[in-house]
Amino acid sequence: MTAGFEVKPGDVVRLRKQHPCGASEWQVVRLGTDIGLRCLKCQRYVLLKRSVFEQRLKAIVSSEKGEAP
């Protein structure tokens, strides 16, 4: 299902469910067995298992490589 996406540290992603603070966009901080995410609104840091992250991922909003001119 998710073989076509590549997420790198620094990317901003949108998840299917909103965080309790009301934000739905997260910055990828850590990649590995677990994915580390930081909420862009309240700065809360969470770890999600890779399988859970892949199910909850809705879109990649911006990529580190595409932002810099």
PDB file of N, CA and C in Angstrom:
ATOM      1  N   MET A   1       0.805  -1.187   0.000  1.00  0.00           N
ATOM      2  CA  MET A   1       0.000   0.000   0.000  1.00  0.00           C
ATOM      3  C   MET A   1       0.856   1.261   0.000  1.00  0.00           C
ATOM      4  N   THR A   2       1.883   1.303   0.838  1.00  0.00           N
ATOM      5  CA  THR A   2       2.649   2.527   0.998  1.00  0.00           C
ATOM      6  C   THR A   2       4.043   2.425   0.399  1.00  0.00           C
ATOM      7  N   ALA A   3       4.257   1.524  -0.524  1.00  0.00           N
ATOM      8  CA  ALA A   3       5.583   1.363  -1.103  1.00  0.00           C
ATOM      9  C   ALA A   3       5.976   2.555  -1.961  1.00  0.00           C
ATOM     10  N   GLY A   4       5.015   3.381  -2.386  1.00  0.00           N
ATOM     11  CA  GLY A   4       5.301   4.480  -3.289  1.00  0.00           C
ATOM     12  C   GLY A   4       5.702   5.783  -2.617  1.00  0.00           C
ATOM     13  N   PHE A   5       5.700   5.857  -1.294  1.00  0.00           N
ATOM     14  CA  PHE A   5       6.049   7.124  -0.655  1.00  0.00           C
ATOM     15  C   PHE A   5       7.405   7.015   0.024  1.00  0.00           C
ATOM     16  N   GLU A   6       8.091   8.140   0.083  1.00  0.00           N
ATOM     17  CA  GLU A   6       9.350   8.210   0.812  1.00  0.00           C
ATOM     18  C   GLU A   6       9.282   9.380   1.766  1.00  0.00           C
ATOM     19  N   VAL A   7       9.373   9.114   3.039  1.00  0.00           N
ATOM     20  CA  VAL A   7       9.346  10.159   4.053  1.00  0.00           C
ATOM     21  C   VAL A   7      10.748  10.280   4.616  1.00  0.00           C
ATOM     22  N   LYS A   8      11.212  11.517   4.743  1.00  0.00           N
ATOM     23  CA  LYS A   8      12.537  11.781   5.283  1.00  0.00           C
ATOM     24  C   LYS A   8      12.418  12.706   6.496  1.00  0.00           C
ATOM     25  N   PRO A   9      13.413  12.709   7.376  1.00  0.00           N
ATOM     26  CA  PRO A   9      13.377  13.661   8.490  1.00  0.00           C
ATOM     27  C   PRO A   9      13.268  15.095   7.961  1.00  0.00           C
ATOM     28  N   GLY A  10      12.414  15.878   8.571  1.00  0.00           N
ATOM     29  CA  GLY A  10      12.189  17.248   8.137  1.00  0.00           C
ATOM     30  C   GLY A  10      10.944  17.420   7.292  1.00  0.00           C
ATOM     31  N   ASP A  11      10.418  16.332   6.736  1.00  0.00           N
ATOM     32  CA  ASP A  11       9.192  16.407   5.937  1.00  0.00           C
ATOM     33  C   ASP A  11       8.005  16.748   6.835  1.00  0.00           C
ATOM     34  N   VAL A  12       7.028  17.435   6.269  1.00  0.00           N
ATOM     35  CA  VAL A  12       5.781  17.733   6.973  1.00  0.00           C
ATOM     36  C   VAL A  12       4.704  16.836   6.390  1.00  0.00           C
ATOM     37  N   VAL A  13       4.015  16.095   7.254  1.00  0.00           N
ATOM     38  CA  VAL A  13       2.989  15.148   6.808  1.00  0.00           C
ATOM     39  C   VAL A  13       1.652  15.480   7.449  1.00  0.00           C
ATOM     40  N   ARG A  14       0.580  15.075   6.790  1.00  0.00           N
ATOM     41  CA  ARG A  14      -0.770  15.237   7.326  1.00  0.00           C
ATOM     42  C   ARG A  14      -1.292  13.845   7.647  1.00  0.00           C
ATOM     43  N   LEU A  15      -1.798  13.688   8.879  1.00  0.00           N
ATOM     44  CA  LEU A  15      -2.351  12.404   9.306  1.00  0.00           C
ATOM     45  C   LEU A  15      -3.877  12.438   9.210  1.00  0.00           C
ATOM     46  N   ARG A  16      -4.484  11.274   9.213  1.00  0.00           N
ATOM     47  CA  ARG A  16      -5.936  11.170   9.038  1.00  0.00           C
ATOM     48  C   ARG A  16      -6.723  11.780  10.193  1.00  0.00           C
ATOM     49  N   LYS A  17      -6.254  11.600  11.412  1.00  0.00           N
ATOM     50  CA  LYS A  17      -6.963  12.145  12.574  1.00  0.00           C
ATOM     51  C   LYS A  17      -6.217  13.366  13.102  1.00  0.00           C
ATOM     52  N   GLN A  18      -6.979  14.328  13.612  1.00  0.00           N
ATOM     53  CA  GLN A  18      -6.367  15.513  14.200  1.00  0.00           C
ATOM     54  C   GLN A  18      -5.809  15.202  15.578  1.00  0.00           C
ATOM     55  N   HIS A  19      -4.791  15.941  15.951  1.00  0.00           N
ATOM     56  CA  HIS A  19      -4.250  15.893  17.311  1.00  0.00           C
ATOM     57  C   HIS A  19      -5.257  16.608  18.219  1.00  0.00           C
ATOM     58  N   PRO A  20      -5.342  16.287  19.494  1.00  0.00           N
ATOM     59  CA  PRO A  20      -6.288  16.976  20.381  1.00  0.00           C
ATOM     60  C   PRO A  20      -6.157  18.503  20.397  1.00  0.00           C
ATOM     61  N   CYS A  21      -4.989  19.041  20.038  1.00  0.00           N
ATOM     62  CA  CYS A  21      -4.821  20.493  20.001  1.00  0.00           C
ATOM     63  C   CYS A  21      -5.477  21.105  18.763  1.00  0.00           C
ATOM     64  N   GLY A  22      -5.906  20.281  17.814  1.00  0.00           N
ATOM     65  CA  GLY A  22      -6.588  20.760  16.623  1.00  0.00           C
ATOM     66  C   GLY A  22      -5.750  20.712  15.359  1.00  0.00           C
ATOM     67  N   ALA A  23      -4.468  20.420  15.460  1.00  0.00           N
ATOM     68  CA  ALA A  23      -3.592  20.371  14.290  1.00  0.00           C
ATOM     69  C   ALA A  23      -3.626  18.987  13.650  1.00  0.00           C
ATOM     70  N   SER A  24      -3.376  18.950  12.348  1.00  0.00           N
ATOM     71  CA  SER A  24      -3.288  17.660  11.667  1.00  0.00           C
ATOM     72  C   SER A  24      -1.974  17.522  10.902  1.00  0.00           C
ATOM     73  N   GLU A  25      -1.076  18.514  11.031  1.00  0.00           N
ATOM     74  CA  GLU A  25       0.207  18.458  10.335  1.00  0.00           C
ATOM     75  C   GLU A  25       1.334  18.239  11.341  1.00  0.00           C
ATOM     76  N   TRP A  26       2.246  17.359  10.959  1.00  0.00           N
ATOM     77  CA  TRP A  26       3.338  16.933  11.823  1.00  0.00           C
ATOM     78  C   TRP A  26       4.643  16.990  11.046  1.00  0.00           C
ATOM     79  N   GLN A  27       5.742  17.262  11.745  1.00  0.00           N
ATOM     80  CA  GLN A  27       7.064  17.212  11.132  1.00  0.00           C
ATOM     81  C   GLN A  27       7.721  15.895  11.533  1.00  0.00           C
ATOM     82  N   VAL A  28       8.297  15.206  10.556  1.00  0.00           N
ATOM     83  CA  VAL A  28       8.997  13.952  10.819  1.00  0.00           C
ATOM     84  C   VAL A  28      10.348  14.296  11.437  1.00  0.00           C
ATOM     85  N   VAL A  29      10.607  13.747  12.623  1.00  0.00           N
ATOM     86  CA  VAL A  29      11.840  14.043  13.343  1.00  0.00           C
ATOM     87  C   VAL A  29      12.784  12.842  13.325  1.00  0.00           C
ATOM     88  N   ARG A  30      12.228  11.636  13.358  1.00  0.00           N
ATOM     89  CA  ARG A  30      13.038  10.435  13.498  1.00  0.00           C
ATOM     90  C   ARG A  30      12.452   9.313  12.641  1.00  0.00           C
ATOM     91  N   LEU A  31      13.336   8.570  11.981  1.00  0.00           N
ATOM     92  CA  LEU A  31      12.911   7.407  11.207  1.00  0.00           C
ATOM     93  C   LEU A  31      13.634   6.179  11.727  1.00  0.00           C
ATOM     94  N   GLY A  32      12.956   5.074  11.723  1.00  0.00           N
ATOM     95  CA  GLY A  32      13.508   3.810  12.188  1.00  0.00           C
ATOM     96  C   GLY A  32      12.358   2.838  12.320  1.00  0.00           C
ATOM     97  N   THR A  33      12.447   1.940  13.274  1.00  0.00           N
ATOM     98  CA  THR A  33      11.333   1.044  13.554  1.00  0.00           C
ATOM     99  C   THR A  33      10.117   1.857  13.973  1.00  0.00           C
ATOM    100  N   ASP A  34      10.388   2.917  14.751  1.00  0.00           N
ATOM    101  CA  ASP A  34       9.354   3.860  15.142  1.00  0.00           C
ATOM    102  C   ASP A  34       9.578   5.160  14.382  1.00  0.00           C
ATOM    103  N   ILE A  35       8.499   5.897  14.132  1.00  0.00           N
ATOM    104  CA  ILE A  35       8.573   7.191  13.468  1.00  0.00           C
ATOM    105  C   ILE A  35       8.329   8.261  14.525  1.00  0.00           C
ATOM    106  N   GLY A  36       9.267   9.184  14.678  1.00  0.00           N
ATOM    107  CA  GLY A  36       9.118  10.285  15.618  1.00  0.00           C
ATOM    108  C   GLY A  36       8.494  11.480  14.913  1.00  0.00           C
ATOM    109  N   LEU A  37       7.425  12.022  15.490  1.00  0.00           N
ATOM    110  CA  LEU A  37       6.704  13.149  14.896  1.00  0.00           C
ATOM    111  C   LEU A  37       6.565  14.270  15.910  1.00  0.00           C
ATOM    112  N   ARG A  38       6.638  15.516  15.430  1.00  0.00           N
ATOM    113  CA  ARG A  38       6.422  16.689  16.280  1.00  0.00           C
ATOM    114  C   ARG A  38       5.250  17.470  15.716  1.00  0.00           C
ATOM    115  N   CYS A  39       4.251  17.734  16.576  1.00  0.00           N
ATOM    116  CA  CYS A  39       3.074  18.508  16.190  1.00  0.00           C
ATOM    117  C   CYS A  39       3.518  19.937  15.882  1.00  0.00           C
ATOM    118  N   LEU A  40       3.077  20.481  14.748  1.00  0.00           N
ATOM    119  CA  LEU A  40       3.491  21.820  14.360  1.00  0.00           C
ATOM    120  C   LEU A  40       2.770  22.916  15.135  1.00  0.00           C
ATOM    121  N   LYS A  41       1.687  22.585  15.816  1.00  0.00           N
ATOM    122  CA  LYS A  41       0.952  23.601  16.571  1.00  0.00           C
ATOM    123  C   LYS A  41       1.401  23.672  18.031  1.00  0.00           C
ATOM    124  N   CYS A  42       1.417  22.525  18.720  1.00  0.00           N
ATOM    125  CA  CYS A  42       1.724  22.537  20.154  1.00  0.00           C
ATOM    126  C   CYS A  42       3.108  21.978  20.480  1.00  0.00           C
ATOM    127  N   GLN A  43       3.843  21.517  19.477  1.00  0.00           N
ATOM    128  CA  GLN A  43       5.212  20.994  19.622  1.00  0.00           C
ATOM    129  C   GLN A  43       5.299  19.686  20.410  1.00  0.00           C
ATOM    130  N   ARG A  44       4.186  18.974  20.589  1.00  0.00           N
ATOM    131  CA  ARG A  44       4.194  17.678  21.272  1.00  0.00           C
ATOM    132  C   ARG A  44       4.949  16.669  20.400  1.00  0.00           C
ATOM    133  N   TYR A  45       5.752  15.817  21.027  1.00  0.00           N
ATOM    134  CA  TYR A  45       6.525  14.799  20.330  1.00  0.00           C
ATOM    135  C   TYR A  45       5.908  13.436  20.607  1.00  0.00           C
ATOM    136  N   VAL A  46       5.674  12.667  19.554  1.00  0.00           N
ATOM    137  CA  VAL A  46       5.122  11.324  19.713  1.00  0.00           C
ATOM    138  C   VAL A  46       5.914  10.336  18.874  1.00  0.00           C
ATOM    139  N   LEU A  47       5.901   9.090  19.284  1.00  0.00           N
ATOM    140  CA  LEU A  47       6.486   7.996  18.524  1.00  0.00           C
ATOM    141  C   LEU A  47       5.364   7.077  18.069  1.00  0.00           C
ATOM    142  N   LEU A  48       5.351   6.754  16.788  1.00  0.00           N
ATOM    143  CA  LEU A  48       4.379   5.807  16.250  1.00  0.00           C
ATOM    144  C   LEU A  48       5.127   4.636  15.629  1.00  0.00           C
ATOM    145  N   LYS A  49       4.594   3.443  15.799  1.00  0.00           N
ATOM    146  CA  LYS A  49       5.156   2.304  15.084  1.00  0.00           C
ATOM    147  C   LYS A  49       5.018   2.566  13.597  1.00  0.00           C
ATOM    148  N   ARG A  50       5.955   2.080  12.817  1.00  0.00           N
ATOM    149  CA  ARG A  50       5.938   2.325  11.374  1.00  0.00           C
ATOM    150  C   ARG A  50       4.628   1.854  10.740  1.00  0.00           C
ATOM    151  N   SER A  51       4.116   0.709  11.156  1.00  0.00           N
ATOM    152  CA  SER A  51       2.870   0.191  10.583  1.00  0.00           C
ATOM    153  C   SER A  51       1.689   1.110  10.891  1.00  0.00           C
ATOM    154  N   VAL A  52       1.646   1.652  12.108  1.00  0.00           N
ATOM    155  CA  VAL A  52       0.575   2.577  12.498  1.00  0.00           C
ATOM    156  C   VAL A  52       0.706   3.874  11.707  1.00  0.00           C
ATOM    157  N   PHE A  53       1.943   4.373  11.576  1.00  0.00           N
ATOM    158  CA  PHE A  53       2.186   5.599  10.815  1.00  0.00           C
ATOM    159  C   PHE A  53       1.719   5.442   9.368  1.00  0.00           C
ATOM    160  N   GLU A  54       2.036   4.318   8.751  1.00  0.00           N
ATOM    161  CA  GLU A  54       1.646   4.093   7.351  1.00  0.00           C
ATOM    162  C   GLU A  54       0.132   4.054   7.199  1.00  0.00           C
ATOM    163  N   GLN A  55      -0.584   3.531   8.190  1.00  0.00           N
ATOM    164  CA  GLN A  55      -2.046   3.510   8.128  1.00  0.00           C
ATOM    165  C   GLN A  55      -2.635   4.897   8.307  1.00  0.00           C
ATOM    166  N   ARG A  56      -2.029   5.717   9.158  1.00  0.00           N
ATOM    167  CA  ARG A  56      -2.572   7.037   9.477  1.00  0.00           C
ATOM    168  C   ARG A  56      -2.146   8.130   8.503  1.00  0.00           C
ATOM    169  N   LEU A  57      -1.110   7.879   7.699  1.00  0.00           N
ATOM    170  CA  LEU A  57      -0.610   8.891   6.775  1.00  0.00           C
ATOM    171  C   LEU A  57      -1.652   9.215   5.716  1.00  0.00           C
ATOM    172  N   LYS A  58      -1.952  10.493   5.560  1.00  0.00           N
ATOM    173  CA  LYS A  58      -2.905  10.940   4.555  1.00  0.00           C
ATOM    174  C   LYS A  58      -2.173  11.569   3.378  1.00  0.00           C
ATOM    175  N   ALA A  59      -1.192  12.443   3.654  1.00  0.00           N
ATOM    176  CA  ALA A  59      -0.461  13.123   2.586  1.00  0.00           C
ATOM    177  C   ALA A  59       0.867  13.648   3.103  1.00  0.00           C
ATOM    178  N   ILE A  60       1.816  13.800   2.185  1.00  0.00           N
ATOM    179  CA  ILE A  60       3.058  14.492   2.482  1.00  0.00           C
ATOM    180  C   ILE A  60       2.851  15.929   2.035  1.00  0.00           C
ATOM    181  N   VAL A  61       2.848  16.866   2.977  1.00  0.00           N
ATOM    182  CA  VAL A  61       2.539  18.267   2.699  1.00  0.00           C
ATOM    183  C   VAL A  61       3.737  18.947   2.049  1.00  0.00           C
ATOM    184  N   SER A  62       4.920  18.798   2.624  1.00  0.00           N
ATOM    185  CA  SER A  62       6.115  19.381   2.034  1.00  0.00           C
ATOM    186  C   SER A  62       7.309  18.505   2.348  1.00  0.00           C
ATOM    187  N   SER A  63       8.284  18.610   1.483  1.00  0.00           N
ATOM    188  CA  SER A  63       9.470  17.791   1.610  1.00  0.00           C
ATOM    189  C   SER A  63      10.671  18.693   1.810  1.00  0.00           C
ATOM    190  N   GLU A  64      11.649  18.268   2.593  1.00  0.00           N
ATOM    191  CA  GLU A  64      12.866  19.042   2.834  1.00  0.00           C
ATOM    192  C   GLU A  64      13.538  19.403   1.516  1.00  0.00           C
ATOM    193  N   LYS A  65      13.628  18.449   0.613  1.00  0.00           N
ATOM    194  CA  LYS A  65      14.361  18.680  -0.618  1.00  0.00           C
ATOM    195  C   LYS A  65      13.639  19.644  -1.542  1.00  0.00           C
ATOM    196  N   GLY A  66      12.307  19.712  -1.484  1.00  0.00           N
ATOM    197  CA  GLY A  66      11.549  20.589  -2.360  1.00  0.00           C
ATOM    198  C   GLY A  66      11.365  22.003  -1.841  1.00  0.00           C
ATOM    199  N   GLU A  67      11.705  22.285  -0.572  1.00  0.00           N
ATOM    200  CA  GLU A  67      11.459  23.598   0.011  1.00  0.00           C
ATOM    201  C   GLU A  67      12.546  24.625  -0.310  1.00  0.00           C
ATOM    202  N   ALA A  68      13.789  24.189  -0.323  1.00  0.00           N
ATOM    203  CA  ALA A  68      14.880  25.143  -0.501  1.00  0.00           C
ATOM    204  C   ALA A  68      14.998  25.539  -1.977  1.00  0.00           C
ATOM    205  N   PRO A  69      15.151  26.827  -2.264  1.00  0.00           N
ATOM    206  CA  PRO A  69      15.293  27.254  -3.669  1.00  0.00           C
ATOM    207  C   PRO A  69      16.641  26.925  -4.238  1.00  0.00           C
TER     208      PRO A  69
END
